[in-house]
Full PDB file with SEQRES, HELIX, SHEET, SSBOND, CRYST1, ORIGX, SCALE, CONECT and MASTER records, all heavy atoms in Angstrom:
SEQRES   1 A   34  ILE ILE THR GLY LYS HIS LYS GLY GLN THR GLY ILE ILE          
SEQRES   2 A   34  LYS ASN ILE ILE THR ALA LYS ASN LYS VAL VAL ILE GLU          
SEQRES   3 A   34  ASN ILE ASN ILE GLN THR LYS HIS                              
HELIX    1 AA1 THR A   18  LYS A   20  5                                   3    
SHEET    1 AA1 2 ILE A  13  ILE A  17  0                                        
SHEET    2 AA1 2 LYS A  22  ILE A  25 -1                                        
CRYST1    1.000    1.000    1.000  90.00  90.00  90.00 P 1           1          
ORIGX1      1.000000  0.000000  0.000000        0.00000                         
ORIGX2      0.000000  1.000000  0.000000        0.00000                         
ORIGX3      0.000000  0.000000  1.000000        0.00000                         
SCALE1      1.000000  0.000000  0.000000        0.00000                         
SCALE2      0.000000  1.000000  0.000000        0.00000                         
SCALE3      0.000000  0.000000  1.000000        0.00000                         
ATOM      1  N   ILE A   1      -3.187  -7.980   0.699  1.00  0.00           N  
ATOM      2  CA  ILE A   1      -3.407  -7.286   1.972  1.00  0.00           C  
ATOM      3  C   ILE A   1      -4.138  -8.242   2.945  1.00  0.00           C  
ATOM      4  O   ILE A   1      -5.172  -8.764   2.590  1.00  0.00           O  
ATOM      5  CB  ILE A   1      -4.218  -6.021   1.764  1.00  0.00           C  
ATOM      6  CG1 ILE A   1      -3.734  -5.185   0.598  1.00  0.00           C  
ATOM      7  CG2 ILE A   1      -4.213  -5.169   3.041  1.00  0.00           C  
ATOM      8  CD1 ILE A   1      -2.316  -4.672   0.681  1.00  0.00           C  
ATOM      9  N   ILE A   2      -3.601  -8.413   4.169  1.00  0.00           N  
ATOM     10  CA  ILE A   2      -4.219  -9.386   5.111  1.00  0.00           C  
ATOM     11  C   ILE A   2      -5.029  -8.690   6.258  1.00  0.00           C  
ATOM     12  O   ILE A   2      -5.851  -9.255   6.827  1.00  0.00           O  
ATOM     13  CB  ILE A   2      -3.206 -10.394   5.609  1.00  0.00           C  
ATOM     14  CG1 ILE A   2      -2.028  -9.614   6.334  1.00  0.00           C  
ATOM     15  CG2 ILE A   2      -2.795 -11.340   4.605  1.00  0.00           C  
ATOM     16  CD1 ILE A   2      -1.043 -10.612   7.022  1.00  0.00           C  
ATOM     17  N   THR A   3      -4.784  -7.331   6.491  1.00  0.00           N  
ATOM     18  CA  THR A   3      -5.486  -6.708   7.508  1.00  0.00           C  
ATOM     19  C   THR A   3      -5.763  -5.215   7.024  1.00  0.00           C  
ATOM     20  O   THR A   3      -5.102  -4.724   6.135  1.00  0.00           O  
ATOM     21  CB  THR A   3      -4.717  -6.575   8.830  1.00  0.00           C  
ATOM     22  OG1 THR A   3      -3.417  -5.939   8.662  1.00  0.00           O  
ATOM     23  CG2 THR A   3      -4.535  -7.960   9.469  1.00  0.00           C  
ATOM     24  N   GLY A   4      -6.681  -4.570   7.729  1.00  0.00           N  
ATOM     25  CA  GLY A   4      -6.923  -3.118   7.390  1.00  0.00           C  
ATOM     26  C   GLY A   4      -8.116  -3.001   6.445  1.00  0.00           C  
ATOM     27  O   GLY A   4      -8.862  -3.920   6.145  1.00  0.00           O  
ATOM     28  N   LYS A   5      -8.340  -1.747   6.031  1.00  0.00           N  
ATOM     29  CA  LYS A   5      -9.564  -1.464   5.213  1.00  0.00           C  
ATOM     30  C   LYS A   5      -9.368  -1.958   3.869  1.00  0.00           C  
ATOM     31  O   LYS A   5     -10.387  -2.066   3.074  1.00  0.00           O  
ATOM     32  CB  LYS A   5      -9.808   0.021   5.190  1.00  0.00           C  
ATOM     33  CG  LYS A   5      -8.892   0.909   4.508  1.00  0.00           C  
ATOM     34  CD  LYS A   5      -9.341   2.377   4.484  1.00  0.00           C  
ATOM     35  CE  LYS A   5      -8.420   3.203   3.761  1.00  0.00           C  
ATOM     36  NZ  LYS A   5      -8.854   4.620   3.787  1.00  0.00           N  
ATOM     37  N   HIS A   6      -8.248  -2.346   3.302  1.00  0.00           N  
ATOM     38  CA  HIS A   6      -7.995  -2.877   2.062  1.00  0.00           C  
ATOM     39  C   HIS A   6      -7.793  -4.426   2.070  1.00  0.00           C  
ATOM     40  O   HIS A   6      -7.256  -4.981   1.130  1.00  0.00           O  
ATOM     41  CB  HIS A   6      -6.811  -2.229   1.351  1.00  0.00           C  
ATOM     42  CG  HIS A   6      -6.947  -0.792   1.191  1.00  0.00           C  
ATOM     43  ND1 HIS A   6      -7.796  -0.220   0.354  1.00  0.00           N  
ATOM     44  CD2 HIS A   6      -6.375   0.270   1.911  1.00  0.00           C  
ATOM     45  CE1 HIS A   6      -7.723   1.137   0.442  1.00  0.00           C  
ATOM     46  NE2 HIS A   6      -6.967   1.368   1.440  1.00  0.00           N  
ATOM     47  N   LYS A   7      -8.291  -5.048   3.130  1.00  0.00           N  
ATOM     48  CA  LYS A   7      -8.110  -6.508   3.370  1.00  0.00           C  
ATOM     49  C   LYS A   7      -8.708  -7.326   2.200  1.00  0.00           C  
ATOM     50  O   LYS A   7      -9.790  -6.979   1.691  1.00  0.00           O  
ATOM     51  CB  LYS A   7      -8.830  -6.937   4.656  1.00  0.00           C  
ATOM     52  CG  LYS A   7      -8.699  -8.406   5.019  1.00  0.00           C  
ATOM     53  CD  LYS A   7      -9.440  -8.672   6.262  1.00  0.00           C  
ATOM     54  CE  LYS A   7      -9.268 -10.094   6.636  1.00  0.00           C  
ATOM     55  NZ  LYS A   7      -9.931 -10.449   7.913  1.00  0.00           N  
ATOM     56  N   GLY A   8      -7.885  -8.278   1.640  1.00  0.00           N  
ATOM     57  CA  GLY A   8      -8.339  -9.125   0.616  1.00  0.00           C  
ATOM     58  C   GLY A   8      -7.908  -8.637  -0.753  1.00  0.00           C  
ATOM     59  O   GLY A   8      -7.941  -9.425  -1.719  1.00  0.00           O  
ATOM     60  N   GLN A   9      -7.426  -7.381  -0.879  1.00  0.00           N  
ATOM     61  CA  GLN A   9      -7.116  -6.857  -2.205  1.00  0.00           C  
ATOM     62  C   GLN A   9      -5.661  -7.286  -2.552  1.00  0.00           C  
ATOM     63  O   GLN A   9      -4.833  -7.557  -1.642  1.00  0.00           O  
ATOM     64  CB  GLN A   9      -7.157  -5.354  -2.274  1.00  0.00           C  
ATOM     65  CG  GLN A   9      -8.658  -4.844  -2.139  1.00  0.00           C  
ATOM     66  CD  GLN A   9      -8.715  -3.329  -2.189  1.00  0.00           C  
ATOM     67  OE1 GLN A   9      -7.672  -2.668  -2.172  1.00  0.00           O  
ATOM     68  NE2 GLN A   9      -9.880  -2.875  -2.230  1.00  0.00           N  
ATOM     69  N   THR A  10      -5.340  -7.374  -3.832  1.00  0.00           N  
ATOM     70  CA  THR A  10      -3.987  -7.764  -4.272  1.00  0.00           C  
ATOM     71  C   THR A  10      -3.425  -6.688  -5.063  1.00  0.00           C  
ATOM     72  O   THR A  10      -4.222  -5.929  -5.726  1.00  0.00           O  
ATOM     73  CB  THR A  10      -4.010  -9.137  -5.090  1.00  0.00           C  
ATOM     74  OG1 THR A  10      -4.883  -8.986  -6.132  1.00  0.00           O  
ATOM     75  CG2 THR A  10      -4.473 -10.233  -4.179  1.00  0.00           C  
ATOM     76  N   GLY A  11      -2.135  -6.651  -5.148  1.00  0.00           N  
ATOM     77  CA  GLY A  11      -1.402  -5.655  -6.002  1.00  0.00           C  
ATOM     78  C   GLY A  11       0.051  -5.968  -6.155  1.00  0.00           C  
ATOM     79  O   GLY A  11       0.557  -6.905  -5.603  1.00  0.00           O  
ATOM     80  N   ILE A  12       0.678  -5.071  -6.931  1.00  0.00           N  
ATOM     81  CA  ILE A  12       2.128  -5.265  -7.100  1.00  0.00           C  
ATOM     82  C   ILE A  12       2.888  -4.155  -6.405  1.00  0.00           C  
ATOM     83  O   ILE A  12       2.440  -3.085  -6.364  1.00  0.00           O  
ATOM     84  CB  ILE A  12       2.440  -5.149  -8.684  1.00  0.00           C  
ATOM     85  CG1 ILE A  12       1.765  -6.336  -9.434  1.00  0.00           C  
ATOM     86  CG2 ILE A  12       3.953  -5.160  -8.910  1.00  0.00           C  
ATOM     87  CD1 ILE A  12       1.782  -6.278 -10.887  1.00  0.00           C  
ATOM     88  N   ILE A  13       3.985  -4.565  -5.737  1.00  0.00           N  
ATOM     89  CA  ILE A  13       4.755  -3.558  -4.981  1.00  0.00           C  
ATOM     90  C   ILE A  13       5.459  -2.656  -5.866  1.00  0.00           C  
ATOM     91  O   ILE A  13       6.164  -2.948  -6.837  1.00  0.00           O  
ATOM     92  CB  ILE A  13       5.834  -4.330  -4.031  1.00  0.00           C  
ATOM     93  CG1 ILE A  13       5.048  -5.140  -3.040  1.00  0.00           C  
ATOM     94  CG2 ILE A  13       6.809  -3.334  -3.447  1.00  0.00           C  
ATOM     95  CD1 ILE A  13       5.945  -5.891  -2.079  1.00  0.00           C  
ATOM     96  N   LYS A  14       5.264  -1.310  -5.594  1.00  0.00           N  
ATOM     97  CA  LYS A  14       5.758  -0.256  -6.433  1.00  0.00           C  
ATOM     98  C   LYS A  14       7.049   0.330  -5.743  1.00  0.00           C  
ATOM     99  O   LYS A  14       7.970   0.727  -6.480  1.00  0.00           O  
ATOM    100  CB  LYS A  14       4.658   0.834  -6.530  1.00  0.00           C  
ATOM    101  CG  LYS A  14       4.928   1.842  -7.515  1.00  0.00           C  
ATOM    102  CD  LYS A  14       3.685   2.800  -7.632  1.00  0.00           C  
ATOM    103  CE  LYS A  14       3.914   3.804  -8.618  1.00  0.00           C  
ATOM    104  NZ  LYS A  14       2.762   4.746  -8.699  1.00  0.00           N  
ATOM    105  N   ASN A  15       7.077   0.363  -4.437  1.00  0.00           N  
ATOM    106  CA  ASN A  15       8.210   1.045  -3.686  1.00  0.00           C  
ATOM    107  C   ASN A  15       8.295   0.475  -2.314  1.00  0.00           C  
ATOM    108  O   ASN A  15       7.263   0.050  -1.773  1.00  0.00           O  
ATOM    109  CB  ASN A  15       7.962   2.596  -3.639  1.00  0.00           C  
ATOM    110  CG  ASN A  15       9.148   3.293  -3.143  1.00  0.00           C  
ATOM    111  OD1 ASN A  15      10.247   2.747  -3.049  1.00  0.00           O  
ATOM    112  ND2 ASN A  15       8.945   4.562  -2.855  1.00  0.00           N  
ATOM    113  N   ILE A  16       9.510   0.353  -1.768  1.00  0.00           N  
ATOM    114  CA  ILE A  16       9.693  -0.171  -0.388  1.00  0.00           C  
ATOM    115  C   ILE A  16      10.425   0.934   0.407  1.00  0.00           C  
ATOM    116  O   ILE A  16      11.385   1.553  -0.030  1.00  0.00           O  
ATOM    117  CB  ILE A  16      10.568  -1.401  -0.418  1.00  0.00           C  
ATOM    118  CG1 ILE A  16       9.848  -2.432  -1.218  1.00  0.00           C  
ATOM    119  CG2 ILE A  16      10.765  -1.921   0.977  1.00  0.00           C  
ATOM    120  CD1 ILE A  16      10.704  -3.672  -1.446  1.00  0.00           C  
ATOM    121  N   ILE A  17       9.870   1.286   1.605  1.00  0.00           N  
ATOM    122  CA  ILE A  17      10.410   2.269   2.466  1.00  0.00           C  
ATOM    123  C   ILE A  17      10.975   1.540   3.706  1.00  0.00           C  
ATOM    124  O   ILE A  17      10.257   1.298   4.661  1.00  0.00           O  
ATOM    125  CB  ILE A  17       9.419   3.329   2.946  1.00  0.00           C  
ATOM    126  CG1 ILE A  17       8.713   3.952   1.651  1.00  0.00           C  
ATOM    127  CG2 ILE A  17       9.974   4.400   3.744  1.00  0.00           C  
ATOM    128  CD1 ILE A  17       7.437   4.751   1.945  1.00  0.00           C  
ATOM    129  N   THR A  18      12.238   1.184   3.629  1.00  0.00           N  
ATOM    130  CA  THR A  18      12.859   0.330   4.696  1.00  0.00           C  
ATOM    131  C   THR A  18      12.945   1.034   6.049  1.00  0.00           C  
ATOM    132  O   THR A  18      12.853   0.441   7.063  1.00  0.00           O  
ATOM    133  CB  THR A  18      14.229  -0.175   4.267  1.00  0.00           C  
ATOM    134  OG1 THR A  18      15.022   0.872   3.921  1.00  0.00           O  
ATOM    135  CG2 THR A  18      14.107  -1.132   3.148  1.00  0.00           C  
ATOM    136  N   ALA A  19      13.171   2.338   6.079  1.00  0.00           N  
ATOM    137  CA  ALA A  19      13.329   3.120   7.289  1.00  0.00           C  
ATOM    138  C   ALA A  19      12.109   3.036   8.138  1.00  0.00           C  
ATOM    139  O   ALA A  19      12.161   3.125   9.358  1.00  0.00           O  
ATOM    140  CB  ALA A  19      13.706   4.542   6.948  1.00  0.00           C  
ATOM    141  N   LYS A  20      10.930   2.967   7.517  1.00  0.00           N  
ATOM    142  CA  LYS A  20       9.682   2.965   8.220  1.00  0.00           C  
ATOM    143  C   LYS A  20       8.885   1.649   8.152  1.00  0.00           C  
ATOM    144  O   LYS A  20       7.705   1.488   8.649  1.00  0.00           O  
ATOM    145  CB  LYS A  20       8.754   4.054   7.692  1.00  0.00           C  
ATOM    146  CG  LYS A  20       9.274   5.548   7.852  1.00  0.00           C  
ATOM    147  CD  LYS A  20       8.246   6.455   7.324  1.00  0.00           C  
ATOM    148  CE  LYS A  20       8.812   7.870   7.557  1.00  0.00           C  
ATOM    149  NZ  LYS A  20       7.774   8.886   7.114  1.00  0.00           N  
ATOM    150  N   ASN A  21       9.515   0.625   7.584  1.00  0.00           N  
ATOM    151  CA  ASN A  21       8.887  -0.704   7.429  1.00  0.00           C  
ATOM    152  C   ASN A  21       7.554  -0.577   6.662  1.00  0.00           C  
ATOM    153  O   ASN A  21       6.608  -1.197   7.103  1.00  0.00           O  
ATOM    154  CB  ASN A  21       8.711  -1.409   8.794  1.00  0.00           C  
ATOM    155  CG  ASN A  21      10.035  -1.776   9.469  1.00  0.00           C  
ATOM    156  OD1 ASN A  21      10.977  -2.108   8.774  1.00  0.00           O  
ATOM    157  ND2 ASN A  21      10.077  -1.637  10.774  1.00  0.00           N  
ATOM    158  N   LYS A  22       7.541   0.091   5.585  1.00  0.00           N  
ATOM    159  CA  LYS A  22       6.307   0.265   4.830  1.00  0.00           C  
ATOM    160  C   LYS A  22       6.491   0.029   3.385  1.00  0.00           C  
ATOM    161  O   LYS A  22       7.670   0.037   2.868  1.00  0.00           O  
ATOM    162  CB  LYS A  22       5.766   1.741   5.003  1.00  0.00           C  
ATOM    163  CG  LYS A  22       5.295   2.015   6.437  1.00  0.00           C  
ATOM    164  CD  LYS A  22       4.621   3.385   6.561  1.00  0.00           C  
ATOM    165  CE  LYS A  22       4.170   3.665   7.995  1.00  0.00           C  
ATOM    166  NZ  LYS A  22       2.907   3.076   8.281  1.00  0.00           N  
ATOM    167  N   VAL A  23       5.429  -0.305   2.623  1.00  0.00           N  
ATOM    168  CA  VAL A  23       5.547  -0.557   1.188  1.00  0.00           C  
ATOM    169  C   VAL A  23       4.429   0.213   0.464  1.00  0.00           C  
ATOM    170  O   VAL A  23       3.391   0.520   1.117  1.00  0.00           O  
ATOM    171  CB  VAL A  23       5.441  -2.087   0.865  1.00  0.00           C  
ATOM    172  CG1 VAL A  23       6.620  -2.858   1.336  1.00  0.00           C  
ATOM    173  CG2 VAL A  23       4.159  -2.652   1.397  1.00  0.00           C  
ATOM    174  N   VAL A  24       4.680   0.537  -0.719  1.00  0.00           N  
ATOM    175  CA  VAL A  24       3.645   1.274  -1.592  1.00  0.00           C  
ATOM    176  C   VAL A  24       3.236   0.205  -2.618  1.00  0.00           C  
ATOM    177  O   VAL A  24       4.076  -0.338  -3.274  1.00  0.00           O  
ATOM    178  CB  VAL A  24       4.269   2.486  -2.247  1.00  0.00           C  
ATOM    179  CG1 VAL A  24       3.157   3.205  -3.170  1.00  0.00           C  
ATOM    180  CG2 VAL A  24       4.741   3.562  -1.121  1.00  0.00           C  
ATOM    181  N   ILE A  25       1.941   0.025  -2.754  1.00  0.00           N  
ATOM    182  CA  ILE A  25       1.342  -1.031  -3.602  1.00  0.00           C  
ATOM    183  C   ILE A  25       0.519  -0.288  -4.643  1.00  0.00           C  
ATOM    184  O   ILE A  25      -0.288   0.671  -4.315  1.00  0.00           O  
ATOM    185  CB  ILE A  25       0.575  -2.034  -2.806  1.00  0.00           C  
ATOM    186  CG1 ILE A  25       1.398  -2.701  -1.758  1.00  0.00           C  
ATOM    187  CG2 ILE A  25      -0.046  -3.092  -3.805  1.00  0.00           C  
ATOM    188  CD1 ILE A  25       0.720  -3.542  -0.774  1.00  0.00           C  
ATOM    189  N   GLU A  26       0.577  -0.687  -5.933  1.00  0.00           N  
ATOM    190  CA  GLU A  26      -0.211  -0.050  -7.017  1.00  0.00           C  
ATOM    191  C   GLU A  26      -1.565  -0.105  -6.773  1.00  0.00           C  
ATOM    192  O   GLU A  26      -2.177  -1.217  -6.481  1.00  0.00           O  
ATOM    193  CB  GLU A  26       0.181  -0.777  -8.323  1.00  0.00           C  
ATOM    194  CG  GLU A  26       1.498  -0.337  -8.929  1.00  0.00           C  
ATOM    195  CD  GLU A  26       1.801  -0.912 -10.322  1.00  0.00           C  
ATOM    196  OE1 GLU A  26       0.901  -1.583 -10.917  1.00  0.00           O  
ATOM    197  OE2 GLU A  26       2.939  -0.790 -10.787  1.00  0.00           O  
ATOM    198  N   ASN A  27      -2.298   0.962  -6.910  1.00  0.00           N  
ATOM    199  CA  ASN A  27      -3.763   1.148  -6.814  1.00  0.00           C  
ATOM    200  C   ASN A  27      -4.340   0.715  -5.544  1.00  0.00           C  
ATOM    201  O   ASN A  27      -5.514   0.316  -5.460  1.00  0.00           O  
ATOM    202  CB  ASN A  27      -4.440   0.408  -8.026  1.00  0.00           C  
ATOM    203  CG  ASN A  27      -4.036   0.998  -9.315  1.00  0.00           C  
ATOM    204  OD1 ASN A  27      -3.813   2.173  -9.504  1.00  0.00           O  
ATOM    205  ND2 ASN A  27      -3.749   0.127 -10.313  1.00  0.00           N  
ATOM    206  N   ILE A  28      -3.578   0.713  -4.434  1.00  0.00           N  
ATOM    207  CA  ILE A  28      -4.088   0.389  -3.129  1.00  0.00           C  
ATOM    208  C   ILE A  28      -3.746   1.578  -2.175  1.00  0.00           C  
ATOM    209  O   ILE A  28      -2.764   2.217  -2.340  1.00  0.00           O  
ATOM    210  CB  ILE A  28      -3.406  -0.849  -2.523  1.00  0.00           C  
ATOM    211  CG1 ILE A  28      -3.534  -2.035  -3.423  1.00  0.00           C  
ATOM    212  CG2 ILE A  28      -3.913  -1.142  -1.105  1.00  0.00           C  
ATOM    213  CD1 ILE A  28      -4.838  -2.704  -3.443  1.00  0.00           C  
ATOM    214  N   ASN A  29      -4.675   1.930  -1.289  1.00  0.00           N  
ATOM    215  CA  ASN A  29      -4.541   3.053  -0.318  1.00  0.00           C  
ATOM    216  C   ASN A  29      -4.360   4.319  -1.107  1.00  0.00           C  
ATOM    217  O   ASN A  29      -3.352   5.099  -0.847  1.00  0.00           O  
ATOM    218  CB  ASN A  29      -3.379   2.768   0.566  1.00  0.00           C  
ATOM    219  CG  ASN A  29      -3.445   3.644   1.853  1.00  0.00           C  
ATOM    220  OD1 ASN A  29      -4.488   4.175   2.153  1.00  0.00           O  
ATOM    221  ND2 ASN A  29      -2.276   3.754   2.524  1.00  0.00           N  
ATOM    222  N   ILE A  30      -5.229   4.616  -1.970  1.00  0.00           N  
ATOM    223  CA  ILE A  30      -5.223   5.945  -2.720  1.00  0.00           C  
ATOM    224  C   ILE A  30      -5.595   7.068  -1.879  1.00  0.00           C  
ATOM    225  O   ILE A  30      -6.527   7.036  -1.220  1.00  0.00           O  
ATOM    226  CB  ILE A  30      -6.216   5.858  -3.977  1.00  0.00           C  
ATOM    227  CG1 ILE A  30      -5.893   4.633  -4.901  1.00  0.00           C  
ATOM    228  CG2 ILE A  30      -6.214   7.074  -4.737  1.00  0.00           C  
ATOM    229  CD1 ILE A  30      -4.597   4.752  -5.613  1.00  0.00           C  
ATOM    230  N   GLN A  31      -4.717   8.087  -1.919  1.00  0.00           N  
ATOM    231  CA  GLN A  31      -4.955   9.262  -1.123  1.00  0.00           C  
ATOM    232  C   GLN A  31      -4.985  10.426  -2.073  1.00  0.00           C  
ATOM    233  O   GLN A  31      -4.359  10.486  -3.085  1.00  0.00           O  
ATOM    234  CB  GLN A  31      -3.767   9.443  -0.120  1.00  0.00           C  
ATOM    235  CG  GLN A  31      -3.669   8.292   0.870  1.00  0.00           C  
ATOM    236  CD  GLN A  31      -2.429   8.402   1.781  1.00  0.00           C  
ATOM    237  OE1 GLN A  31      -1.546   9.179   1.481  1.00  0.00           O  
ATOM    238  NE2 GLN A  31      -2.420   7.583   2.811  1.00  0.00           N  
ATOM    239  N   THR A  32      -5.718  11.479  -1.611  1.00  0.00           N  
ATOM    240  CA  THR A  32      -5.850  12.691  -2.463  1.00  0.00           C  
ATOM    241  C   THR A  32      -4.959  13.780  -1.917  1.00  0.00           C  
ATOM    242  O   THR A  32      -4.862  14.022  -0.711  1.00  0.00           O  
ATOM    243  CB  THR A  32      -7.267  13.181  -2.395  1.00  0.00           C  
ATOM    244  OG1 THR A  32      -8.247  12.171  -2.719  1.00  0.00           O  
ATOM    245  CG2 THR A  32      -7.536  14.447  -3.264  1.00  0.00           C  
ATOM    246  N   LYS A  33      -4.195  14.455  -2.841  1.00  0.00           N  
ATOM    247  CA  LYS A  33      -3.263  15.440  -2.451  1.00  0.00           C  
ATOM    248  C   LYS A  33      -3.610  16.710  -3.190  1.00  0.00           C  
ATOM    249  O   LYS A  33      -3.695  16.721  -4.456  1.00  0.00           O  
ATOM    250  CB  LYS A  33      -1.856  14.988  -2.842  1.00  0.00           C  
ATOM    251  CG  LYS A  33      -0.760  16.019  -2.395  1.00  0.00           C  
ATOM    252  CD  LYS A  33       0.591  15.476  -2.660  1.00  0.00           C  
ATOM    253  CE  LYS A  33       1.648  16.512  -2.255  1.00  0.00           C  
ATOM    254  NZ  LYS A  33       3.038  16.010  -2.429  1.00  0.00           N  
ATOM    255  N   HIS A  34      -3.807  17.767  -2.495  1.00  0.00           N  
ATOM    256  CA  HIS A  34      -4.110  19.143  -3.063  1.00  0.00           C  
ATOM    257  C   HIS A  34      -2.761  19.884  -3.248  1.00  0.00           C  
ATOM    258  O   HIS A  34      -2.036  20.009  -2.301  1.00  0.00           O  
ATOM    259  CB  HIS A  34      -5.099  19.896  -2.196  1.00  0.00           C  
ATOM    260  CG  HIS A  34      -6.356  19.158  -2.011  1.00  0.00           C  
ATOM    261  ND1 HIS A  34      -7.485  19.525  -2.750  1.00  0.00           N  
ATOM    262  CD2 HIS A  34      -6.744  18.130  -1.258  1.00  0.00           C  
ATOM    263  CE1 HIS A  34      -8.510  18.694  -2.480  1.00  0.00           C  
ATOM    264  NE2 HIS A  34      -8.086  17.861  -1.503  1.00  0.00           N  
TER     265      HIS A  34                                                      
MASTER        0    0    0    1    2    0    0    6  264    1    0    3          
END                                                                             
């Protein structure tokens, strides 16, 4: 990760969302869902 609050962290790509130009990375940007 080169920018944002997770800058400097590394991980493996889990999923790619091409329609939104986004990627999901293992154990990065963890969000809580109720």
